[in-house]
Structures are given as structure tokens and as C-alpha cells.
Protein backbone atom coordinates (compact mmCIF):
# COMPACT_ATOMS: atom_id res chain seq x y z
CA MET A 1 76.21 -45.65 -157.24
CA GLN A 2 75.20 -42.06 -156.09
CA ILE A 3 71.74 -40.42 -155.93
CA LYS A 4 72.31 -36.68 -155.79
CA ASP A 5 69.44 -34.24 -155.04
CA LEU A 6 66.51 -36.30 -156.40
CA ASN A 7 63.25 -34.88 -156.93
CA VAL A 8 60.21 -36.11 -158.02
CA HIS A 9 57.27 -33.71 -158.08
CA TYR A 10 53.92 -34.09 -159.24
CA PRO A 11 51.65 -30.90 -160.54
CA LEU A 12 48.34 -30.31 -159.21
CA ARG A 13 46.24 -28.76 -161.53
CA GLY A 14 43.00 -27.04 -161.39
CA GLY A 15 41.40 -23.52 -162.37
CA PHE A 16 39.17 -23.06 -165.79
CA PHE A 17 42.32 -23.07 -168.12
CA ASN A 18 43.72 -26.21 -166.02
CA THR A 19 46.72 -24.88 -165.15
CA ILE A 20 49.50 -25.78 -162.70
CA GLN A 21 47.87 -24.86 -159.08
CA ASP A 22 50.64 -26.31 -156.89
CA LYS A 23 52.75 -29.53 -156.48
CA VAL A 24 53.09 -32.77 -154.05
CA TYR A 25 56.60 -33.25 -153.52
CA ALA A 26 56.80 -37.05 -153.44
CA VAL A 27 60.53 -36.95 -153.21
CA ASP A 28 62.31 -33.86 -152.62
CA GLY A 29 65.96 -33.55 -152.62
CA VAL A 30 67.16 -37.04 -151.61
CA THR A 31 70.95 -37.73 -151.61
CA LEU A 32 72.34 -41.46 -151.37
CA GLU A 33 75.51 -43.50 -152.09
CA PHE A 34 75.79 -47.54 -152.36
CA GLU A 35 78.31 -49.66 -151.29
CA LYS A 36 79.01 -52.75 -152.66
CA GLY A 37 77.83 -55.80 -150.27
CA LYS A 38 75.89 -53.32 -147.92
CA THR A 39 72.14 -53.16 -147.15
CA TYR A 40 70.36 -49.63 -147.12
CA GLY A 41 67.21 -49.40 -145.40
CA LEU A 42 64.45 -46.72 -146.28
CA VAL A 43 62.09 -46.32 -143.39
CA GLY A 44 59.16 -43.99 -142.81
CA GLU A 45 55.31 -43.94 -142.78
CA SER A 46 52.76 -44.60 -145.60
CA GLY A 47 53.20 -41.81 -147.99
CA SER A 48 56.44 -40.59 -146.91
CA GLY A 49 57.98 -41.31 -150.59
CA LYS A 50 60.02 -44.40 -149.76
CA SER A 51 58.37 -46.25 -152.85
CA THR A 52 58.46 -43.48 -155.37
CA THR A 53 62.33 -43.00 -154.55
CA GLY A 54 62.64 -46.79 -155.07
CA LYS A 55 60.97 -46.73 -158.43
CA ALA A 56 62.59 -43.35 -159.68
CA ILE A 57 66.04 -44.99 -159.21
CA ILE A 58 65.31 -47.88 -161.19
CA GLY A 59 63.27 -45.89 -163.77
CA LEU A 60 59.52 -46.68 -163.29
CA GLU A 61 58.90 -42.91 -162.04
CA LYS A 62 59.95 -39.50 -163.97
CA ILE A 63 62.83 -37.96 -162.17
CA THR A 64 61.69 -33.92 -161.81
CA SER A 65 65.14 -32.97 -161.30
CA GLY A 66 68.52 -34.50 -159.92
CA HIS A 67 71.00 -37.07 -160.92
CA ILE A 68 71.59 -40.68 -160.88
CA ILE A 69 75.63 -41.41 -161.12
CA TYR A 70 76.41 -45.09 -161.69
CA GLU A 71 80.03 -46.15 -161.85
CA GLY A 72 81.33 -42.55 -162.56
CA GLN A 73 78.49 -42.23 -165.52
CA ASP A 74 75.26 -39.78 -165.09
CA VAL A 75 72.57 -42.43 -166.39
CA THR A 76 69.64 -40.24 -165.44
CA ASN A 77 67.99 -40.20 -168.55
CA ARG A 78 69.55 -43.58 -169.59
CA ARG A 79 67.64 -45.83 -167.06
CA ARG A 80 64.84 -46.83 -169.51
CA LYS A 81 66.79 -48.37 -172.17
CA ARG A 82 65.99 -52.29 -171.72
CA SER A 83 69.47 -53.09 -173.11
CA SER A 84 71.58 -50.82 -171.01
CA ALA A 85 73.95 -52.40 -168.54
CA TYR A 86 72.11 -50.13 -165.68
CA SER A 87 68.60 -51.97 -166.72
CA ARG A 88 70.44 -55.64 -166.07
CA GLU A 89 72.23 -54.56 -162.86
CA ILE A 90 69.71 -52.72 -160.95
CA GLN A 91 66.76 -55.25 -160.31
CA MET A 92 63.76 -54.50 -157.87
CA ILE A 93 61.48 -57.06 -155.50
CA PHE A 94 57.98 -55.46 -155.74
CA GLN A 95 56.04 -55.48 -152.60
CA ASP A 96 53.06 -57.17 -154.61
CA ALA A 97 54.66 -60.09 -155.79
CA HIS A 98 51.48 -61.59 -157.64
CA SER A 99 50.62 -58.23 -159.71
CA SER A 100 54.07 -58.09 -160.68
CA MET A 101 53.86 -61.05 -162.62
CA ASN A 102 52.26 -62.05 -165.47
CA PRO A 103 48.99 -64.26 -164.99
CA ARG A 104 48.95 -65.94 -168.30
CA LYS A 105 52.71 -66.86 -168.22
CA ARG A 106 54.24 -69.99 -166.36
CA VAL A 107 57.19 -69.91 -164.00
CA ILE A 108 59.66 -71.05 -166.74
CA ASP A 109 58.44 -68.39 -169.02
CA ILE A 110 58.53 -65.66 -165.86
CA LEU A 111 62.11 -66.52 -164.72
CA ALA A 112 63.37 -67.04 -168.59
CA GLU A 113 61.99 -63.22 -169.14
CA PRO A 114 65.35 -61.32 -167.69
CA LEU A 115 67.46 -63.95 -169.36
CA ARG A 116 65.98 -63.48 -172.76
CA ASN A 117 66.31 -59.66 -172.48
CA PHE A 118 69.87 -59.19 -171.19
CA MET A 119 71.79 -62.59 -171.66
CA LYS A 120 72.48 -64.58 -174.94
CA LEU A 121 72.20 -68.13 -173.63
CA SER A 122 71.19 -71.43 -175.49
CA ASP A 123 68.00 -73.31 -174.53
CA GLN A 124 70.37 -75.80 -172.65
CA GLU A 125 72.07 -73.11 -170.67
CA GLU A 126 68.86 -70.95 -170.00
CA ARG A 127 66.82 -74.18 -168.42
CA LYS A 128 70.22 -74.85 -166.24
CA ARG A 129 69.83 -71.18 -164.77
CA ILE A 130 66.45 -71.39 -164.39
CA LYS A 131 66.95 -74.86 -162.18
CA GLU A 132 69.93 -72.58 -160.71
CA LEU A 133 67.38 -69.49 -159.51
CA LEU A 134 64.92 -72.41 -158.43
CA ALA A 135 67.34 -73.73 -156.21
CA ILE A 136 68.58 -70.63 -154.83
CA VAL A 137 65.22 -69.81 -153.32
CA GLY A 138 64.73 -72.94 -152.11
CA MET A 139 62.11 -74.52 -154.58
CA SER A 140 62.07 -77.32 -156.78
CA GLU A 141 61.62 -78.20 -160.50
CA ASP A 142 57.88 -79.20 -160.33
CA VAL A 143 57.08 -75.70 -160.38
CA LEU A 144 58.04 -74.83 -163.73
CA LEU A 145 54.86 -75.31 -165.58
CA LYS A 146 52.56 -73.90 -162.86
CA TYR A 147 50.78 -70.26 -163.24
CA PRO A 148 51.30 -67.47 -160.39
CA HIS A 149 47.57 -67.99 -158.84
CA GLU A 150 48.90 -71.30 -157.87
CA PHE A 151 51.46 -70.52 -155.24
CA SER A 152 51.20 -69.15 -151.85
CA GLY A 153 52.43 -65.48 -151.01
CA GLY A 154 55.78 -66.65 -149.82
CA GLN A 155 56.05 -68.90 -152.85
CA LYS A 156 55.60 -65.85 -155.11
CA GLN A 157 57.98 -63.60 -153.12
CA ARG A 158 60.48 -66.23 -153.72
CA LEU A 159 60.08 -66.18 -157.27
CA GLY A 160 60.38 -62.63 -157.23
CA ILE A 161 63.59 -62.65 -155.56
CA ALA A 162 64.89 -65.67 -158.24
CA ARG A 163 63.54 -63.28 -160.74
CA ALA A 164 65.54 -60.16 -159.60
CA VAL A 165 68.61 -62.22 -159.27
CA ALA A 166 68.53 -64.01 -162.59
CA CYS A 167 71.06 -61.55 -164.32
CA ASN A 168 73.22 -61.22 -161.37
CA PRO A 169 72.75 -57.78 -160.42
CA LYS A 170 74.83 -55.39 -158.32
CA LEU A 171 71.79 -53.74 -156.48
CA ILE A 172 68.38 -54.71 -155.58
CA ILE A 173 65.63 -52.48 -154.83
CA ALA A 174 63.55 -54.46 -152.18
CA ASP A 175 60.28 -52.59 -151.75
CA GLU A 176 58.38 -54.16 -148.60
CA PRO A 177 59.26 -57.46 -149.78
CA VAL A 178 57.73 -59.10 -146.65
CA SER A 179 54.89 -57.12 -145.63
CA ALA A 180 52.25 -58.98 -146.90
CA LEU A 181 53.70 -62.55 -145.65
CA ASP A 182 53.29 -64.00 -142.40
CA LEU A 183 55.57 -64.23 -139.70
CA SER A 184 56.97 -67.40 -140.32
CA VAL A 185 57.23 -66.98 -144.01
CA GLN A 186 59.12 -63.27 -143.31
CA ALA A 187 61.81 -65.02 -141.67
CA GLN A 188 62.40 -67.47 -144.85
CA VAL A 189 62.48 -64.41 -147.29
CA LEU A 190 64.70 -62.66 -145.30
CA ASN A 191 67.13 -65.28 -144.45
CA PHE A 192 67.14 -66.07 -148.41
CA MET A 193 67.97 -62.28 -149.19
CA LYS A 194 70.68 -62.60 -146.94
CA ASP A 195 72.25 -65.81 -148.35
CA ILE A 196 71.87 -64.58 -151.59
CA GLN A 197 73.66 -61.21 -150.57
CA ARG A 198 76.55 -63.49 -149.17
CA GLN A 199 76.66 -65.48 -152.24
CA TYR A 200 76.69 -62.61 -155.11
CA GLY A 201 78.10 -59.82 -153.00
CA LEU A 202 74.79 -57.77 -153.61
CA SER A 203 73.96 -54.25 -152.11
CA TYR A 204 70.17 -53.92 -151.16
CA LEU A 205 68.05 -50.91 -150.64
CA PHE A 206 65.25 -52.03 -148.40
CA ILE A 207 62.29 -50.13 -148.35
CA SER A 208 59.90 -50.79 -145.12
CA HIS A 209 57.56 -49.34 -142.28
CA ASP A 210 58.97 -52.37 -140.20
CA LEU A 211 61.69 -51.09 -137.89
CA GLY A 212 62.07 -54.45 -136.47
CA VAL A 213 63.06 -55.81 -139.79
CA VAL A 214 64.89 -53.18 -140.89
CA LYS A 215 67.18 -53.61 -137.67
CA HIS A 216 67.86 -57.38 -138.72
CA MET A 217 68.76 -56.37 -142.36
CA CYS A 218 70.36 -52.98 -142.62
CA ASP A 219 73.76 -51.62 -142.46
CA TYR A 220 72.57 -48.11 -142.87
CA ILE A 221 69.10 -46.44 -142.58
CA ALA A 222 67.60 -43.50 -143.33
CA ILE A 223 64.25 -42.27 -142.23
CA MET A 224 62.05 -40.66 -144.30
CA TYR A 225 59.00 -37.70 -143.95
CA LYS A 226 57.28 -36.04 -146.56
CA GLY A 227 59.77 -36.90 -149.24
CA ARG A 228 62.82 -35.76 -147.23
CA PHE A 229 65.19 -37.38 -144.71
CA VAL A 230 64.81 -36.47 -141.21
CA GLU A 231 67.68 -38.75 -140.01
CA THR A 232 70.36 -40.79 -141.43
CA GLY A 233 73.22 -43.12 -140.14
CA THR A 234 74.49 -46.57 -139.42
CA ARG A 235 72.27 -49.08 -137.58
CA GLN A 236 73.89 -48.58 -134.08
CA ASP A 237 73.25 -44.32 -134.83
CA ILE A 238 69.51 -44.83 -135.67
CA TYR A 239 68.86 -47.47 -133.01
CA LEU A 240 70.86 -46.38 -129.97
CA ASN A 241 71.23 -42.66 -130.52
CA PRO A 242 68.13 -41.32 -132.19
CA GLN A 243 68.11 -37.49 -132.64
CA HIS A 244 64.92 -36.37 -134.47
CA ILE A 245 61.91 -36.36 -132.52
CA TYR A 246 60.00 -38.33 -135.54
CA THR A 247 62.96 -40.89 -135.25
CA ASN A 248 62.18 -41.48 -131.59
CA ARG A 249 58.57 -41.56 -132.30
CA LEU A 250 58.84 -44.44 -134.83
CA LEU A 251 61.33 -46.23 -132.72
CA SER A 252 58.91 -46.01 -129.63
CA ALA A 253 56.15 -47.94 -131.95
CA ILE A 254 58.22 -50.89 -132.40
CA PRO A 255 56.34 -53.98 -130.92
CA HIS A 256 57.82 -56.06 -128.36
CA ILE A 257 56.68 -59.35 -126.89
CA GLU A 258 57.94 -59.08 -123.38
CA PRO A 259 54.74 -59.01 -120.81
CA GLU A 260 56.56 -57.68 -118.04
CA THR A 261 57.61 -54.40 -119.62
CA ARG A 262 54.55 -53.86 -121.31
CA LEU A 263 53.28 -50.82 -118.84
CA ALA A 264 56.79 -49.24 -118.93
CA ARG A 265 56.79 -49.29 -122.79
CA LYS A 266 53.05 -47.67 -122.55
CA LYS A 267 54.60 -44.79 -120.36
CA ALA A 268 57.55 -44.63 -122.56
CA ARG A 269 55.24 -44.23 -125.48
CA GLN A 270 53.25 -41.50 -124.01
CA GLN A 271 56.11 -39.51 -123.10
CA VAL A 272 57.62 -39.48 -126.60
CA GLU A 273 54.25 -38.69 -128.10
CA GLU A 274 53.62 -35.62 -125.93
CA LYS A 275 57.21 -34.32 -126.37
CA TYR A 276 56.19 -34.59 -130.20
CA GLN A 277 53.07 -32.75 -129.84
CA GLN A 278 54.84 -30.04 -128.14
CA ASN A 279 57.99 -29.74 -129.73
CA HIS A 280 57.37 -31.11 -133.34
CA HIS A 281 57.45 -27.57 -134.51
CA ARG A 282 60.72 -26.67 -133.79
CA TYR A 283 61.84 -29.71 -136.13
CA TYR A 284 60.14 -28.37 -139.34
CA ASP A 285 59.93 -25.05 -141.20
CA GLU A 286 56.98 -22.42 -141.31
CA HIS A 287 55.61 -24.82 -144.14
CA GLY A 288 55.97 -28.12 -142.19
CA LYS A 289 59.12 -29.18 -144.51
CA VAL A 290 61.69 -31.10 -143.11
CA TYR A 291 65.19 -28.75 -142.43
CA PRO A 292 68.21 -29.85 -144.29
CA LEU A 293 70.25 -32.70 -143.04
CA LYS A 294 73.27 -31.59 -140.63
CA SER A 295 76.29 -33.97 -139.84
CA ILE A 296 76.73 -34.58 -136.01
CA SER A 297 79.25 -37.29 -136.46
CA GLU A 298 81.16 -39.02 -139.11
CA THR A 299 78.13 -41.38 -140.17
CA HIS A 300 75.29 -39.45 -138.51
CA LYS A 301 72.94 -36.89 -140.13
CA VAL A 302 69.89 -35.28 -138.49
CA ALA A 303 67.98 -32.79 -140.16
CA MET A 304 67.77 -29.59 -137.47
CA SER A 305 67.71 -26.03 -137.81
CA GLY A 306 67.87 -23.16 -135.11
CA ILE A 307 67.83 -25.66 -132.41
CA GLU A 308 70.59 -27.27 -130.43
CA GLN A 309 71.53 -30.98 -130.90
CA GLU A 310 69.99 -32.78 -128.42
CA GLY A 311 69.13 -36.45 -127.09
CA VAL A 312 65.22 -36.59 -127.25
């Protein structure tokens, strides 16, 4: 699948006649390409446009302009059709697992819903598939008649994963799937996701602001700021050779647990922050927007203009 020059703009209205005065550029010219069996990380601070990008791809946000090419066909205006193959093969794990489930439905109906929408199964086949889904995420059949409020956060997130893989999708958009979970449950959920990927050959778009989790999960990473990509590349490109000043600022904020290096890391963070304050204007245009991406290697692109490539 290819995402070409994706834009999601929200109009700002005002004045006596309530006319459009300005726009919020939530997603501004995003281009992505997905390869089977790979995980793509989308990283940035809150409000950078990560979740909006994922929702626009799956059809939950209206696209202002741009194209989504899926298996050679332009499906930009066909994403919302429930019966389309795109709706079946592109699924989403939501950040808030509790809110994404109908509180009046039992687990058996929550997991059966995508099966009833997209797969013509008999009652017996449906029940068998639901039991398989529960087994995949490490849950027993005892939960079938329970309601969402009867589960912990980690259990609800597992149910969200089970629902997402119910129809054997090709791409799953995971919107911060572990951000609300404690560390031990985070590890369980991430390991489930990796096991499912190996089993089904899935691709993931993994949306997160946790660079430690992204390093563990992703093959390719895009750093997002104010609706645009500031840097894209492989995991090695981003973590071993960051070029954009914003990427360096994010990487310096990754927490570490080694007490003996605490002072050295604090000093390094201060140096990165000072450099950011002094030089950040060189990385953005006069309106504060990110420059277009430029290739500096076969896999590595950085948003630079008017400055020389440098290792920051």
C-alpha cells in the first residue's frame, strides 16, 4: 500500500459571516509505503498528527487531498464502504481499548462482529474462530459471556488485538496500543503483537510517542512534527545516525535506568536542548513549517533546506 501526499486540514471559522479564516494542518503532505511483514513506526509528540494519519488511512477521518493506493488501485474514496476488501484487510487497534468496545455487548458478540460483517461463517464455524482468537491472545473460553468492564486494561487491549486480527488483515494500524498499560502488561501485549505478526505475515503501522517501544517493535521509523515528517529511515538510521535537530531532542529524552550514567546523560540532554534553542530556526521555514524531505542515503531522508547535512 502507498500513501501519497496525504493531507487532513481542518477549517477555522470566524467573523460575522462565519467564514473560513484559517486552517489547522493536522496532516500536511505525508507519504508512506508499506511492505508485507514489516512494522512502521510513527513517532512524535502529542498533537503532531500521528493518530489523525492512522484514522485517515483507515477511513475515520476525511482526507482533504492525497491518494491511498492499495494493491494498485486508488481506494481513497472507497475506504468507508463496509463491504470493501480494504475495510476487511486494514484494521485498527485503538489507544483506548475500553471506549472502542460496546459496553452492552459480551465478548462473544464483540469478537463475532467483524466475522459477521466480512466472513460468511456458520454458527459452529464462528464459535470455533472466536475460540481461536482468544487462544491467540492467551485468554480462555471463560471470558466469552463477560462484558468489557469486567476486564483489566491489559485484558481489554488483548481483546482489541483479537478483534483486529479476526478477519486475517494485511495491515493493522496500532494507535498507541500500550501507552495506558503498566510495564509488565506492555511487554505481554507487544510480544503478542510480534507473535501474531510472525504467524500471519502482518504489517503494522505502530503509532507511539515512546521511542523505547518503537525501537523494540519497528523496522522503519518516521518522526512527525506539526503534521509533517522531519526524518524517516530504518531503525538503525534513526537511532544510530539522527540528523534532524528535533529527532535528537526526542532521542535525548528516552529514559534509562543506569544510575552510574545519570549525570552524563543529564549533561548530554542539556547540550541537545541548548543546541535546539539556538539552531531550531534553521530547520523550519519562516512560517515554522517543516521543510520537504531530502534523501541522504538509500533509506534515510531528512527535512533540510538551506543548511548543510550535519550530524547533530
